[in-house]
Amino acid sequence: MSEPSDAELAARYRSVIEAELAQLDTATDATSDDRRPVELDQQSVGRLSRMDAMQGRAMATAIEARRGQRRVALKAALRRMEDAEFGWCANCGSFIGTGRLDVDPVVMTCITCAQ
């Protein structure tokens, strides 16, 4: 089986990466209220409810941090496409393989180097 060209790889994975970036942006927008600081209002919210709200905020902030890391990886993959390096192992230079890229298009190493 022959290795696909850089143009074929870009055509196959660019839309997948851009769609995931759009999903991340949508999720970030949808959860912006969840990451706001918890107000102290002892009249309407009891101590345990406030603690639950603070825990929810901490979880939402952590999830947003993971989204940020994924966003960086996806943008790096798009840059590798522009530089004709997408789909090629950063360690040994061999083709990563479409099966591996289908699972996660941001991977930078072939299965051999990943082990």
N, C-alpha and C. Protein backbone atom coordinates (compact mmCIF):
# COMPACT_ATOMS: atom_id res chain seq x y z
N MET A 1 0.84 -1.17 0.00
CA MET A 1 0.00 0.00 0.00
C MET A 1 0.88 1.24 0.00
N SER A 2 0.62 2.16 -0.88
CA SER A 2 1.44 3.35 -0.99
C SER A 2 1.02 4.42 0.02
N GLU A 3 1.96 5.27 0.33
CA GLU A 3 1.69 6.35 1.28
C GLU A 3 0.97 7.47 0.54
N PRO A 4 -0.03 8.09 1.18
CA PRO A 4 -0.74 9.19 0.53
C PRO A 4 0.14 10.43 0.44
N SER A 5 -0.19 11.27 -0.51
CA SER A 5 0.56 12.52 -0.66
C SER A 5 0.14 13.50 0.43
N ASP A 6 0.92 14.56 0.58
CA ASP A 6 0.59 15.59 1.57
C ASP A 6 -0.77 16.22 1.28
N ALA A 7 -1.07 16.41 0.01
CA ALA A 7 -2.36 16.99 -0.38
C ALA A 7 -3.51 16.05 -0.03
N GLU A 8 -3.31 14.75 -0.24
CA GLU A 8 -4.34 13.77 0.11
C GLU A 8 -4.57 13.73 1.63
N LEU A 9 -3.49 13.79 2.39
CA LEU A 9 -3.62 13.80 3.84
C LEU A 9 -4.37 15.05 4.31
N ALA A 10 -4.00 16.19 3.76
CA ALA A 10 -4.66 17.45 4.13
C ALA A 10 -6.14 17.41 3.77
N ALA A 11 -6.44 16.89 2.60
CA ALA A 11 -7.84 16.81 2.17
C ALA A 11 -8.64 15.89 3.09
N ARG A 12 -8.02 14.84 3.56
CA ARG A 12 -8.73 13.86 4.39
C ARG A 12 -8.92 14.35 5.83
N TYR A 13 -7.93 15.06 6.39
CA TYR A 13 -7.97 15.37 7.81
C TYR A 13 -8.23 16.84 8.17
N ARG A 14 -8.06 17.75 7.23
CA ARG A 14 -8.27 19.17 7.56
C ARG A 14 -9.69 19.42 8.06
N SER A 15 -10.67 18.89 7.39
CA SER A 15 -12.06 19.13 7.80
C SER A 15 -12.36 18.49 9.16
N VAL A 16 -11.76 17.35 9.43
CA VAL A 16 -11.94 16.68 10.73
C VAL A 16 -11.38 17.56 11.84
N ILE A 17 -10.18 18.09 11.63
CA ILE A 17 -9.54 18.94 12.63
C ILE A 17 -10.30 20.24 12.81
N GLU A 18 -10.70 20.86 11.71
CA GLU A 18 -11.45 22.12 11.81
C GLU A 18 -12.81 21.91 12.49
N ALA A 19 -13.45 20.78 12.25
CA ALA A 19 -14.73 20.49 12.90
C ALA A 19 -14.53 20.32 14.40
N GLU A 20 -13.46 19.66 14.81
CA GLU A 20 -13.20 19.49 16.24
C GLU A 20 -12.88 20.83 16.89
N LEU A 21 -12.15 21.70 16.20
CA LEU A 21 -11.89 23.04 16.72
C LEU A 21 -13.19 23.81 16.91
N ALA A 22 -14.09 23.69 15.97
CA ALA A 22 -15.39 24.37 16.09
C ALA A 22 -16.18 23.82 17.27
N GLN A 23 -16.13 22.50 17.48
CA GLN A 23 -16.82 21.90 18.63
C GLN A 23 -16.24 22.41 19.94
N LEU A 24 -14.92 22.54 20.00
CA LEU A 24 -14.28 23.05 21.21
C LEU A 24 -14.71 24.48 21.49
N ASP A 25 -14.77 25.30 20.44
CA ASP A 25 -15.20 26.69 20.60
C ASP A 25 -16.64 26.76 21.08
N THR A 26 -17.50 25.92 20.54
CA THR A 26 -18.91 25.88 20.95
C THR A 26 -19.02 25.47 22.41
N ALA A 27 -18.27 24.46 22.81
CA ALA A 27 -18.31 23.99 24.20
C ALA A 27 -17.77 25.06 25.14
N THR A 28 -16.74 25.77 24.73
CA THR A 28 -16.19 26.85 25.55
C THR A 28 -17.23 27.94 25.76
N ASP A 29 -17.89 28.32 24.70
CA ASP A 29 -18.93 29.36 24.80
C ASP A 29 -20.09 28.90 25.67
N ALA A 30 -20.48 27.64 25.52
CA ALA A 30 -21.64 27.12 26.24
C ALA A 30 -21.39 26.98 27.74
N THR A 31 -20.13 26.85 28.13
CA THR A 31 -19.83 26.63 29.55
C THR A 31 -19.17 27.83 30.22
N SER A 32 -19.22 28.97 29.59
CA SER A 32 -18.54 30.14 30.18
C SER A 32 -19.13 30.52 31.53
N ASP A 33 -20.44 30.38 31.72
CA ASP A 33 -21.06 30.70 33.01
C ASP A 33 -20.60 29.74 34.11
N ASP A 34 -20.30 28.51 33.75
CA ASP A 34 -19.87 27.52 34.73
C ASP A 34 -18.50 27.84 35.32
N ARG A 35 -17.71 28.65 34.62
CA ARG A 35 -16.36 28.97 35.07
C ARG A 35 -16.27 30.31 35.80
N ARG A 36 -17.36 30.99 35.95
CA ARG A 36 -17.36 32.28 36.66
C ARG A 36 -17.17 32.03 38.15
N PRO A 37 -16.55 33.01 38.84
CA PRO A 37 -16.38 32.86 40.30
C PRO A 37 -17.73 32.71 41.01
N VAL A 38 -17.71 31.93 42.06
CA VAL A 38 -18.92 31.69 42.85
C VAL A 38 -19.09 32.86 43.82
N GLU A 39 -20.25 33.48 43.77
CA GLU A 39 -20.54 34.62 44.63
C GLU A 39 -20.89 34.14 46.03
N LEU A 40 -20.47 34.90 47.02
CA LEU A 40 -20.83 34.61 48.40
C LEU A 40 -22.12 35.36 48.73
N ASP A 41 -23.18 34.61 48.87
CA ASP A 41 -24.48 35.19 49.22
C ASP A 41 -25.13 34.24 50.22
N GLN A 42 -24.90 34.51 51.48
CA GLN A 42 -25.36 33.59 52.50
C GLN A 42 -26.87 33.61 52.69
N GLN A 43 -27.55 34.56 52.09
CA GLN A 43 -29.00 34.60 52.18
C GLN A 43 -29.66 33.55 51.28
N SER A 44 -29.08 33.36 50.09
CA SER A 44 -29.74 32.47 49.14
C SER A 44 -29.04 31.13 48.97
N VAL A 45 -27.79 31.04 49.34
CA VAL A 45 -27.05 29.80 49.11
C VAL A 45 -26.39 29.38 50.43
N GLY A 46 -26.66 28.17 50.86
CA GLY A 46 -26.04 27.65 52.07
C GLY A 46 -24.60 27.26 51.84
N ARG A 47 -23.89 26.94 52.92
CA ARG A 47 -22.47 26.61 52.83
C ARG A 47 -22.21 25.40 51.94
N LEU A 48 -23.01 24.35 52.08
CA LEU A 48 -22.80 23.15 51.25
C LEU A 48 -23.12 23.41 49.80
N SER A 49 -24.15 24.20 49.54
CA SER A 49 -24.49 24.53 48.15
C SER A 49 -23.36 25.33 47.52
N ARG A 50 -22.78 26.24 48.29
CA ARG A 50 -21.67 27.05 47.77
C ARG A 50 -20.46 26.16 47.50
N MET A 51 -20.21 25.20 48.39
CA MET A 51 -19.09 24.28 48.17
C MET A 51 -19.32 23.46 46.90
N ASP A 52 -20.54 23.02 46.67
CA ASP A 52 -20.87 22.29 45.45
C ASP A 52 -20.64 23.18 44.23
N ALA A 53 -21.05 24.44 44.33
CA ALA A 53 -20.86 25.37 43.22
C ALA A 53 -19.38 25.61 42.95
N MET A 54 -18.59 25.72 44.01
CA MET A 54 -17.15 25.91 43.84
C MET A 54 -16.50 24.68 43.21
N GLN A 55 -16.95 23.49 43.61
CA GLN A 55 -16.42 22.27 43.01
C GLN A 55 -16.81 22.19 41.53
N GLY A 56 -18.05 22.55 41.22
CA GLY A 56 -18.49 22.57 39.82
C GLY A 56 -17.66 23.53 38.99
N ARG A 57 -17.35 24.69 39.56
CA ARG A 57 -16.52 25.68 38.86
C ARG A 57 -15.12 25.12 38.63
N ALA A 58 -14.55 24.47 39.64
CA ALA A 58 -13.21 23.90 39.50
C ALA A 58 -13.18 22.84 38.41
N MET A 59 -14.21 22.01 38.36
CA MET A 59 -14.27 20.98 37.32
C MET A 59 -14.42 21.61 35.94
N ALA A 60 -15.27 22.64 35.82
CA ALA A 60 -15.46 23.31 34.54
C ALA A 60 -14.17 23.99 34.09
N THR A 61 -13.43 24.55 35.02
CA THR A 61 -12.16 25.19 34.69
C THR A 61 -11.14 24.16 34.23
N ALA A 62 -11.10 23.00 34.88
CA ALA A 62 -10.17 21.94 34.48
C ALA A 62 -10.53 21.40 33.09
N ILE A 63 -11.80 21.25 32.83
CA ILE A 63 -12.23 20.77 31.51
C ILE A 63 -11.84 21.78 30.44
N GLU A 64 -11.99 23.07 30.76
CA GLU A 64 -11.61 24.11 29.80
C GLU A 64 -10.10 24.10 29.56
N ALA A 65 -9.32 23.81 30.58
CA ALA A 65 -7.87 23.72 30.40
C ALA A 65 -7.52 22.57 29.45
N ARG A 66 -8.21 21.43 29.59
CA ARG A 66 -7.98 20.30 28.67
C ARG A 66 -8.42 20.68 27.25
N ARG A 67 -9.52 21.42 27.14
CA ARG A 67 -9.93 21.90 25.82
C ARG A 67 -8.85 22.78 25.21
N GLY A 68 -8.25 23.61 26.02
CA GLY A 68 -7.18 24.49 25.54
C GLY A 68 -5.98 23.69 25.04
N GLN A 69 -5.62 22.65 25.77
CA GLN A 69 -4.51 21.80 25.34
C GLN A 69 -4.84 21.11 24.02
N ARG A 70 -6.06 20.63 23.89
CA ARG A 70 -6.47 19.97 22.65
C ARG A 70 -6.48 20.97 21.50
N ARG A 71 -6.94 22.18 21.77
CA ARG A 71 -6.97 23.23 20.75
C ARG A 71 -5.56 23.52 20.23
N VAL A 72 -4.59 23.58 21.14
CA VAL A 72 -3.19 23.81 20.75
C VAL A 72 -2.70 22.67 19.87
N ALA A 73 -3.01 21.43 20.24
CA ALA A 73 -2.57 20.27 19.46
C ALA A 73 -3.21 20.27 18.07
N LEU A 74 -4.48 20.63 17.99
CA LEU A 74 -5.16 20.66 16.69
C LEU A 74 -4.58 21.75 15.79
N LYS A 75 -4.31 22.91 16.36
CA LYS A 75 -3.72 24.00 15.56
C LYS A 75 -2.31 23.63 15.11
N ALA A 76 -1.58 22.92 15.95
CA ALA A 76 -0.24 22.46 15.56
C ALA A 76 -0.34 21.47 14.39
N ALA A 77 -1.35 20.63 14.41
CA ALA A 77 -1.55 19.68 13.30
C ALA A 77 -1.84 20.44 12.00
N LEU A 78 -2.64 21.51 12.09
CA LEU A 78 -2.90 22.32 10.90
C LEU A 78 -1.62 22.99 10.40
N ARG A 79 -0.76 23.44 11.32
CA ARG A 79 0.51 24.03 10.91
C ARG A 79 1.41 22.99 10.24
N ARG A 80 1.38 21.75 10.77
CA ARG A 80 2.17 20.69 10.13
C ARG A 80 1.66 20.41 8.72
N MET A 81 0.36 20.54 8.51
CA MET A 81 -0.18 20.39 7.15
C MET A 81 0.40 21.45 6.23
N GLU A 82 0.43 22.69 6.71
CA GLU A 82 0.96 23.79 5.90
C GLU A 82 2.44 23.59 5.58
N ASP A 83 3.16 22.96 6.52
CA ASP A 83 4.60 22.73 6.34
C ASP A 83 4.90 21.39 5.68
N ALA A 84 3.87 20.68 5.23
CA ALA A 84 4.01 19.36 4.59
C ALA A 84 4.69 18.35 5.52
N GLU A 85 4.41 18.46 6.82
CA GLU A 85 4.95 17.52 7.80
C GLU A 85 3.87 16.67 8.45
N PHE A 86 2.61 16.93 8.13
CA PHE A 86 1.51 16.20 8.73
C PHE A 86 1.51 14.76 8.25
N GLY A 87 1.34 13.84 9.20
CA GLY A 87 1.28 12.42 8.87
C GLY A 87 2.62 11.72 8.88
N TRP A 88 3.67 12.46 9.19
CA TRP A 88 5.02 11.89 9.20
C TRP A 88 5.55 11.96 10.62
N CYS A 89 6.16 10.89 11.06
CA CYS A 89 6.66 10.77 12.43
C CYS A 89 7.71 11.83 12.73
N ALA A 90 7.52 12.51 13.86
CA ALA A 90 8.46 13.55 14.27
C ALA A 90 9.79 12.96 14.73
N ASN A 91 9.81 11.66 15.08
CA ASN A 91 11.05 11.03 15.54
C ASN A 91 11.85 10.40 14.41
N CYS A 92 11.21 9.53 13.64
CA CYS A 92 11.95 8.76 12.64
C CYS A 92 11.66 9.20 11.20
N GLY A 93 10.61 9.99 11.01
CA GLY A 93 10.29 10.48 9.67
C GLY A 93 9.46 9.54 8.82
N SER A 94 9.08 8.38 9.35
CA SER A 94 8.27 7.45 8.56
C SER A 94 6.79 7.86 8.60
N PHE A 95 6.02 7.31 7.70
CA PHE A 95 4.60 7.62 7.64
C PHE A 95 3.90 7.05 8.88
N ILE A 96 3.06 7.84 9.51
CA ILE A 96 2.38 7.43 10.74
C ILE A 96 1.33 6.35 10.45
N GLY A 97 0.62 6.50 9.38
CA GLY A 97 -0.41 5.53 9.02
C GLY A 97 -1.80 6.13 9.19
N THR A 98 -2.65 5.90 8.20
CA THR A 98 -3.99 6.48 8.25
C THR A 98 -4.83 5.88 9.37
N GLY A 99 -4.61 4.63 9.72
CA GLY A 99 -5.36 4.03 10.82
C GLY A 99 -5.12 4.76 12.12
N ARG A 100 -3.87 5.08 12.38
CA ARG A 100 -3.50 5.82 13.60
C ARG A 100 -4.02 7.25 13.53
N LEU A 101 -3.93 7.88 12.38
CA LEU A 101 -4.42 9.24 12.22
C LEU A 101 -5.94 9.30 12.30
N ASP A 102 -6.62 8.24 11.86
CA ASP A 102 -8.08 8.19 11.97
C ASP A 102 -8.52 8.22 13.43
N VAL A 103 -7.75 7.57 14.29
CA VAL A 103 -8.07 7.54 15.72
C VAL A 103 -7.83 8.92 16.33
N ASP A 104 -6.69 9.53 16.02
CA ASP A 104 -6.37 10.86 16.55
C ASP A 104 -5.48 11.58 15.55
N PRO A 105 -6.02 12.56 14.83
CA PRO A 105 -5.24 13.22 13.79
C PRO A 105 -4.13 14.13 14.30
N VAL A 106 -4.00 14.30 15.59
CA VAL A 106 -2.93 15.16 16.09
C VAL A 106 -1.67 14.40 16.50
N VAL A 107 -1.70 13.06 16.40
CA VAL A 107 -0.52 12.29 16.79
C VAL A 107 0.68 12.71 15.94
N MET A 108 1.85 12.67 16.58
CA MET A 108 3.06 13.13 15.90
C MET A 108 4.08 12.02 15.71
N THR A 109 3.77 10.82 16.22
CA THR A 109 4.74 9.73 16.11
C THR A 109 4.07 8.48 15.55
N CYS A 110 4.86 7.69 14.88
CA CYS A 110 4.37 6.39 14.40
C CYS A 110 4.20 5.46 15.58
N ILE A 111 3.57 4.34 15.37
CA ILE A 111 3.31 3.40 16.46
C ILE A 111 4.61 2.84 17.03
N THR A 112 5.60 2.65 16.21
CA THR A 112 6.89 2.12 16.67
C THR A 112 7.56 3.10 17.64
N CYS A 113 7.62 4.36 17.26
CA CYS A 113 8.24 5.37 18.13
C CYS A 113 7.39 5.66 19.37
N ALA A 114 6.08 5.49 19.26
CA ALA A 114 5.21 5.74 20.40
C ALA A 114 5.40 4.68 21.49
N GLN A 115 5.83 3.49 21.08
CA GLN A 115 6.05 2.42 22.05
C GLN A 115 7.35 2.64 22.72
